Structure formats: structure tokens, C-alpha cells
Protein backbone atom coordinates (compact mmCIF):
# COMPACT_ATOMS: atom_id res chain seq x y z
CA LEU A 1 14.61 71.69 -7.32
CA VAL A 2 15.58 69.53 -10.27
CA ILE A 3 17.30 67.03 -7.96
CA CYS A 4 14.31 67.00 -5.58
CA ASP A 5 11.91 66.48 -8.47
CA TYR A 6 14.06 63.60 -9.80
CA ILE A 7 14.10 61.92 -6.40
CA ARG A 8 10.35 62.39 -6.05
CA ARG A 9 9.70 60.90 -9.46
CA ARG A 10 12.13 58.06 -8.75
CA VAL A 11 10.45 57.15 -5.48
CA MET A 12 6.81 57.80 -6.40
CA ILE A 13 6.68 56.84 -10.10
CA TYR A 14 9.68 55.06 -11.59
CA THR A 15 10.32 52.55 -8.78
CA PRO A 16 6.71 51.27 -8.40
CA LEU A 17 6.27 51.34 -12.19
CA GLN A 18 9.38 49.20 -12.65
CA GLU A 19 8.11 46.76 -10.01
CA ILE A 20 4.81 46.46 -11.89
CA LEU A 21 6.59 45.96 -15.23
CA ASP A 22 8.83 43.26 -13.74
CA ALA A 23 5.78 41.53 -12.27
CA THR A 24 3.85 41.53 -15.56
CA LYS A 25 6.93 40.18 -17.35
CA ALA A 26 7.19 37.36 -14.79
CA LEU A 27 3.49 36.55 -15.19
CA SER A 28 3.83 36.42 -18.98
CA LYS A 29 6.55 33.79 -18.54
CA GLY A 30 4.38 31.62 -16.29
CA ASP A 31 5.86 32.68 -12.94
CA PHE A 32 2.78 33.05 -10.75
CA LYS A 33 4.65 33.53 -7.46
CA VAL A 34 4.54 37.29 -7.91
CA LYS A 35 3.88 39.17 -4.68
CA LEU A 36 4.05 42.97 -4.79
CA LYS A 37 4.02 45.00 -1.60
CA PRO A 38 1.94 48.24 -1.60
CA LYS A 39 3.91 51.33 -0.56
CA ASN A 40 1.11 52.85 1.49
CA PRO A 41 -0.97 51.29 4.31
CA TYR A 42 -4.40 49.81 3.57
CA GLY A 43 -7.01 52.55 3.18
CA GLU A 44 -4.43 55.01 1.81
CA TYR A 45 -3.58 53.18 -1.40
CA ASP A 46 -2.61 55.25 -4.42
CA GLU A 47 -3.08 54.15 -8.05
CA PHE A 48 0.15 52.11 -8.08
CA ASP A 49 -0.82 50.31 -4.88
CA LEU A 50 -4.18 49.37 -6.38
CA ILE A 51 -2.47 47.99 -9.47
CA LYS A 52 -0.13 45.93 -7.26
CA VAL A 53 -3.06 44.50 -5.30
CA ASP A 54 -4.84 43.56 -8.54
CA LEU A 55 -1.67 41.94 -9.90
CA ASN A 56 -1.27 39.93 -6.68
CA ARG A 57 -4.87 38.77 -6.97
CA MET A 58 -4.42 37.85 -10.63
CA ALA A 59 -1.21 35.94 -9.91
CA ASN A 60 -2.99 34.00 -7.16
CA GLU A 61 -5.89 33.07 -9.45
CA LEU A 62 -3.55 32.08 -12.27
CA SER A 63 -1.58 29.93 -9.84
CA LYS A 64 -4.76 28.13 -8.79
CA SER A 65 -5.79 27.64 -12.43
CA GLU A 66 -2.37 26.24 -13.30
CA MET A 67 -2.55 23.82 -10.37
CA LEU A 68 -6.06 22.69 -11.36
CA LYS A 69 -4.95 22.24 -14.97
CA ASN A 70 -1.97 20.11 -13.94
CA ASP A 71 -4.14 18.02 -11.61
CA PHE A 72 -6.75 17.62 -14.33
CA ILE A 73 -4.17 16.45 -16.88
CA ALA A 74 -2.65 14.02 -14.37
CA ASN A 75 -6.07 12.60 -13.48
CA VAL A 76 -7.17 12.30 -17.10
CA SER A 77 -3.93 10.55 -17.99
CA HIS A 78 -4.40 8.08 -15.14
CA GLU A 79 -8.05 7.42 -15.94
CA ILE A 80 -7.33 6.84 -19.63
CA LYS A 81 -4.26 4.70 -18.98
CA THR A 82 -6.18 2.19 -16.84
CA PRO A 83 -8.76 0.98 -19.41
CA ILE A 84 -6.14 1.06 -22.18
CA SER A 85 -3.89 -1.20 -20.09
CA ILE A 86 -6.80 -3.57 -19.51
CA ILE A 87 -7.60 -3.71 -23.22
CA ASN A 88 -3.94 -4.26 -24.11
CA ASN A 89 -3.52 -7.09 -21.58
CA TYR A 90 -6.63 -8.98 -22.67
CA VAL A 91 -5.79 -8.56 -26.37
CA LYS A 92 -2.46 -10.25 -25.64
CA LEU A 93 -4.23 -13.05 -23.78
CA LEU A 94 -6.65 -13.57 -26.68
CA SER A 95 -3.72 -14.31 -28.98
CA ASN A 96 -3.28 -17.62 -27.13
CA ASP A 97 -4.77 -20.36 -29.36
CA SER A 98 -5.27 -22.73 -26.43
CA LEU A 99 -7.99 -20.61 -24.81
CA THR A 100 -11.40 -22.14 -24.26
CA LYS A 101 -14.56 -20.45 -25.55
CA GLU A 102 -15.53 -19.49 -21.98
CA GLU A 103 -12.17 -17.80 -21.42
CA LYS A 104 -12.39 -15.93 -24.73
CA ASP A 105 -15.92 -14.73 -23.89
CA LYS A 106 -14.74 -13.57 -20.48
CA TYR A 107 -11.79 -11.64 -21.93
CA LEU A 108 -13.96 -10.07 -24.62
CA ALA A 109 -16.48 -9.00 -21.97
CA ASN A 110 -13.67 -7.33 -19.99
CA ILE A 111 -12.43 -5.55 -23.13
CA LYS A 112 -15.98 -4.38 -23.87
CA TYR A 113 -16.31 -3.06 -20.30
CA ALA A 114 -12.97 -1.20 -20.55
CA CYS A 115 -13.98 0.32 -23.91
CA SER A 116 -17.30 1.42 -22.42
CA LYS A 117 -15.56 3.05 -19.45
CA LEU A 118 -13.10 4.81 -21.74
CA SER A 119 -15.93 6.03 -23.97
CA ASN A 120 -17.89 7.37 -20.98
CA LEU A 121 -14.80 9.11 -19.64
CA ILE A 122 -14.10 10.89 -22.93
CA SER A 123 -17.78 11.79 -23.33
CA ASN A 124 -17.92 13.32 -19.84
CA ILE A 125 -14.67 15.23 -20.38
CA LEU A 126 -16.02 16.73 -23.61
CA LYS A 127 -19.31 17.67 -21.93
CA LEU A 128 -17.51 19.28 -18.99
CA ASN A 129 -15.21 21.16 -21.32
CA LYS A 130 -18.15 22.57 -23.25
CA LEU A 131 -19.97 23.48 -20.04
CA ASP A 132 -16.87 25.12 -18.54
CA ASN A 133 -16.41 27.18 -21.69
CA GLN A 134 -20.16 27.86 -21.96
CA ARG A 135 -20.29 26.52 -25.50
CA LEU A 136 -23.42 24.46 -24.87
CA LYS A 137 -26.61 26.31 -25.73
CA VAL A 138 -29.71 25.76 -23.64
CA ASP A 139 -32.71 24.89 -25.79
CA LEU A 140 -35.63 25.62 -23.50
CA LYS A 141 -38.81 23.69 -24.22
CA LYS A 142 -41.89 22.74 -22.25
CA PHE A 143 -42.06 19.03 -21.40
CA ASN A 144 -43.47 16.61 -18.84
CA LEU A 145 -40.87 16.44 -16.05
CA SER A 146 -42.71 13.58 -14.33
CA GLU A 147 -42.52 11.36 -17.42
CA SER A 148 -38.90 12.32 -18.06
CA ILE A 149 -37.80 11.13 -14.60
CA ILE A 150 -39.89 7.95 -14.84
CA ASN A 151 -38.29 7.13 -18.20
CA GLN A 152 -34.84 7.45 -16.62
CA ILE A 153 -35.84 5.19 -13.71
CA VAL A 154 -37.10 2.50 -16.11
CA GLN A 155 -33.67 2.33 -17.75
CA PHE A 156 -32.21 1.10 -14.44
CA GLU A 157 -34.93 -1.48 -13.81
CA GLU A 158 -32.68 -4.45 -14.60
CA LEU A 159 -29.88 -3.27 -12.28
CA ILE A 160 -32.36 -2.60 -9.49
CA GLU A 161 -33.82 -6.11 -9.85
CA GLN A 162 -30.37 -7.70 -9.93
CA LYS A 163 -29.48 -6.18 -6.55
CA GLU A 164 -33.01 -6.83 -5.21
CA ILE A 165 -33.31 -3.17 -4.26
CA GLU A 166 -36.64 -1.90 -3.04
CA LEU A 167 -37.60 1.12 -5.15
CA ILE A 168 -40.08 3.60 -3.69
CA CYS A 169 -41.31 6.34 -6.04
CA ASP A 170 -43.42 9.32 -5.03
CA ILE A 171 -43.70 11.35 -8.21
CA GLU A 172 -46.45 13.88 -8.79
CA GLU A 173 -48.10 13.31 -12.14
CA ASP A 174 -48.01 15.68 -15.12
CA LEU A 175 -45.66 18.31 -13.77
CA TYR A 176 -44.57 20.41 -16.74
CA ILE A 177 -41.39 22.47 -16.82
CA ILE A 178 -39.70 24.78 -19.32
CA SER A 179 -36.09 23.63 -19.41
CA GLU A 180 -33.55 21.55 -21.36
CA GLU A 181 -34.70 17.92 -21.06
CA SER A 182 -31.45 16.33 -22.27
CA TYR A 183 -29.45 18.24 -19.63
CA LEU A 184 -31.83 17.26 -16.85
CA GLU A 185 -31.51 13.63 -17.96
CA ILE A 186 -27.76 13.89 -17.24
CA ILE A 187 -28.64 14.79 -13.64
CA TRP A 188 -31.18 11.99 -13.10
CA ASN A 189 -28.99 9.42 -14.85
CA ASN A 190 -25.95 10.13 -12.66
CA LEU A 191 -27.81 10.43 -9.35
CA ILE A 192 -29.87 7.25 -9.84
CA SER A 193 -26.80 5.38 -11.06
CA ASN A 194 -24.86 6.44 -7.95
CA ALA A 195 -27.72 5.46 -5.66
CA ILE A 196 -27.76 1.95 -7.15
CA LYS A 197 -23.97 1.64 -7.12
CA PHE A 198 -23.56 2.56 -3.46
CA THR A 199 -26.62 0.70 -2.13
CA GLU A 200 -26.03 -2.82 -0.90
CA PRO A 201 -28.22 -5.68 -2.18
CA LYS A 202 -31.75 -5.64 -0.74
CA GLY A 203 -31.37 -1.99 0.21
CA THR A 204 -33.87 0.79 -0.50
CA ILE A 205 -33.92 3.72 -2.91
CA LYS A 206 -36.54 6.48 -2.73
CA ILE A 207 -37.19 8.93 -5.55
CA SER A 208 -39.65 11.78 -5.17
CA LEU A 209 -40.76 14.73 -7.26
CA LYS A 210 -43.01 17.54 -6.12
CA LYS A 211 -43.71 21.15 -6.95
CA VAL A 212 -42.77 23.66 -4.25
CA GLU A 213 -44.13 27.11 -5.07
CA ASN A 214 -42.80 27.80 -8.59
CA LYS A 215 -39.93 25.33 -8.39
CA TYR A 216 -39.56 21.55 -8.61
CA GLN A 217 -37.90 19.50 -5.90
CA ILE A 218 -36.43 16.11 -6.72
CA MET A 219 -35.07 13.91 -3.91
CA ILE A 220 -33.08 10.74 -4.50
CA SER A 221 -32.32 8.81 -1.30
CA ASP A 222 -30.62 5.50 -0.69
CA THR A 223 -29.75 3.28 2.25
CA GLY A 224 -26.19 2.80 0.99
CA ILE A 225 -22.76 3.24 2.52
CA GLY A 226 -23.11 7.01 3.00
CA MET A 227 -20.16 9.37 3.39
CA ASP A 228 -18.50 11.62 5.94
CA LYS A 229 -18.50 15.43 5.89
CA GLU A 230 -15.06 15.65 4.27
CA THR A 231 -16.15 13.48 1.36
CA GLY A 232 -19.43 15.38 1.06
CA ALA A 233 -17.52 18.65 0.72
CA HIS A 234 -15.60 17.37 -2.32
CA ILE A 235 -18.03 15.13 -4.21
CA PHE A 236 -18.65 17.76 -6.90
CA ASP A 237 -14.92 18.14 -7.61
CA LYS A 238 -13.62 16.62 -10.84
CA PHE A 239 -12.19 13.11 -10.43
CA TYR A 240 -12.91 13.02 -6.68
CA GLN A 241 -13.92 9.55 -5.51
CA GLY A 242 -14.67 9.17 -1.82
CA ASP A 243 -14.99 5.38 -1.84
CA THR A 244 -11.79 4.20 -3.51
CA SER A 245 -12.88 0.58 -3.25
CA ARG A 246 -15.51 1.37 -5.92
CA SER A 247 -13.43 3.68 -8.07
CA LYS A 248 -13.37 1.07 -10.83
CA GLU A 249 -17.12 1.67 -11.28
CA GLY A 250 -16.73 5.32 -12.25
CA ASN A 251 -14.30 8.08 -13.12
CA GLY A 252 -15.20 10.81 -10.66
CA LEU A 253 -16.72 13.08 -13.30
CA GLY A 254 -20.41 12.26 -12.93
CA LEU A 255 -21.23 14.56 -10.02
CA ALA A 256 -18.96 17.31 -11.35
CA LEU A 257 -20.99 17.16 -14.54
CA VAL A 258 -24.24 17.20 -12.56
CA LYS A 259 -23.16 20.33 -10.68
CA ARG A 260 -22.17 22.17 -13.85
CA VAL A 261 -25.49 21.32 -15.53
CA ILE A 262 -27.48 22.49 -12.51
CA ASP A 263 -25.48 25.73 -12.37
CA LEU A 264 -26.10 26.25 -16.09
CA LEU A 265 -29.85 25.79 -15.62
CA GLY A 266 -29.95 28.07 -12.58
CA GLY A 267 -30.90 25.33 -10.11
CA SER A 268 -29.32 24.03 -6.92
CA ILE A 269 -28.21 20.71 -5.42
CA SER A 270 -27.47 19.72 -1.84
CA VAL A 271 -26.55 16.47 -0.16
CA GLU A 272 -27.29 14.93 3.22
CA SER A 273 -25.42 11.79 4.20
CA GLU A 274 -24.34 9.64 7.11
CA ILE A 275 -21.87 6.77 7.14
CA ASN A 276 -23.58 3.37 6.79
CA LYS A 277 -27.02 4.98 6.80
CA GLY A 278 -27.34 6.39 3.30
CA THR A 279 -27.35 9.52 1.21
CA THR A 280 -29.97 11.95 -0.02
CA PHE A 281 -29.51 14.34 -2.93
CA ILE A 282 -31.94 17.25 -3.15
CA VAL A 283 -32.19 18.99 -6.51
CA ILE A 284 -34.17 22.19 -7.08
CA VAL A 285 -34.94 23.24 -10.65
CA LYS A 286 -37.23 25.93 -12.02
């Protein structure tokens, strides 16, 4: 009986327990390739089998997080390195005493642009970090949503005129909302900026705002280059840039930031697009 009890304990308790202990030790050392096999078939799991399944799930999630972290670090390093290299190169060129005033002005303008891009990148990273860790508090106040969007549009007036873009606005007047105005401005700023960036000269941008039941629907459409379904499925991912030819104009964080803000405010965003015909973003806030 003693021998039978020992064998039973060895098979039913000690062996699976040791497997679980070995797995947790591997996870603590950063080995996320852990894969434990349940002893019983699905539907007949005992407590040890359930622990193994949970450990497998945890290892899988940790592996994904580690991969995302490594990708994020690599992307940040690349994005920061580019403007720093530009600044370094033009600073070296400015040390040449034979430069004309026009050349110096041009180099200084390029340095200023690189500094601006670097500043925006760092600012967006910090905002995303705070949003991801839920350290940003939402200060809900009642304000005029119509005026808020119009004020954002006015800030892009010069860029719109430079590209001779036709701007069509259909914004209902005096729509008031209880939300965080500064967060919503992040959304409008990025979406309008993207619409201008990807719309060819003499194209058209349409911006509309209307109240649908107890929610507010904002649509920002353009007649720009559009995107395929694969690009559309990834545009809210950090550092993803579908049109690499225009990657110098952004850092791939704008739409990721937009998505996080909308999620934080309990809204939704969708996109409709077609290559060479344009893109429409539909934002619902409440």
C-alpha cells in the first residue's frame, strides 16, 4: 500500500508539480517558450491541468509583450537616430566659413525641421506611454464641440491654401459635449493633418460634424492617395507607415495616439479607403 501510494503521489502530484515549478522558474528567467502538456483530455482537466493551461497562456502573452517591446525599442531608436543624424550633418556643414547666407539659411531650416520632428516624436511617445499606463486623468467639462473643431481647422488654413485644397465643412452649430477637450484636439489635429498630407494639390477635404441620437459623429474625408485593406488593418499600430515615400513627414505614432485617446474616452473610430480615391475616417464620441 505504501508503494502504491508513493507511485500515485509521484504520478498525480509530484511530477505535474515539478513541471509547473520548472515552468515558473523558466518564465522568471525570461524564457517564454514554455509549453506544458495537460495530463488529461480537454473537458476532464484537473487542477494541475488548469494551472498548466494558464501558464501556457501567460507565457504566450509575455512572449508577445517581449516582441512588441523589442520592436518598439528598435523603431524608437531608428526614428530618433534619423533627425539626430540630420542635425549632426548640417551642423558640420555650417562650420564651413565659405557658405553663402542662402546656404546657411537653408541648413538652419533643415536643422529646425529635424528638431521639430524629434520633439514631436518624443512628445507622442510620452503621451502614448501615459495612455498605455493609464496615468492620464480625464478632466470632463462641458464645451462647444463645434467651435473646438473649427478652431483646429483654422490652424491648418495656411497649409490648405498652399496646396490649393478645396475645403468643404458641414458642421452643426453649437453642439455641446461633456468630454476632455485637449484629448479630442489630439484626434482632430492628427486626422486633419493626415488628410492634408496625403491629398494631392487641388484635391478636396470634407469635414462634417453632426449629432446622431446621443452621440456625435465626425467624418474627415479626403481625395488623396488612399490605402489598401492590408494597410488599413495596421494604421493604428505604433510606427506603422503604409506610404513609405512619405515616412519623412511623420513617425507613425499619430494614429496610434488617436486610437488610444478614443479608447480612453469610450468612443470609436473606423476607416474607409480606396487606392487613388481617398480615405474617410469616422469618429464617434459621446
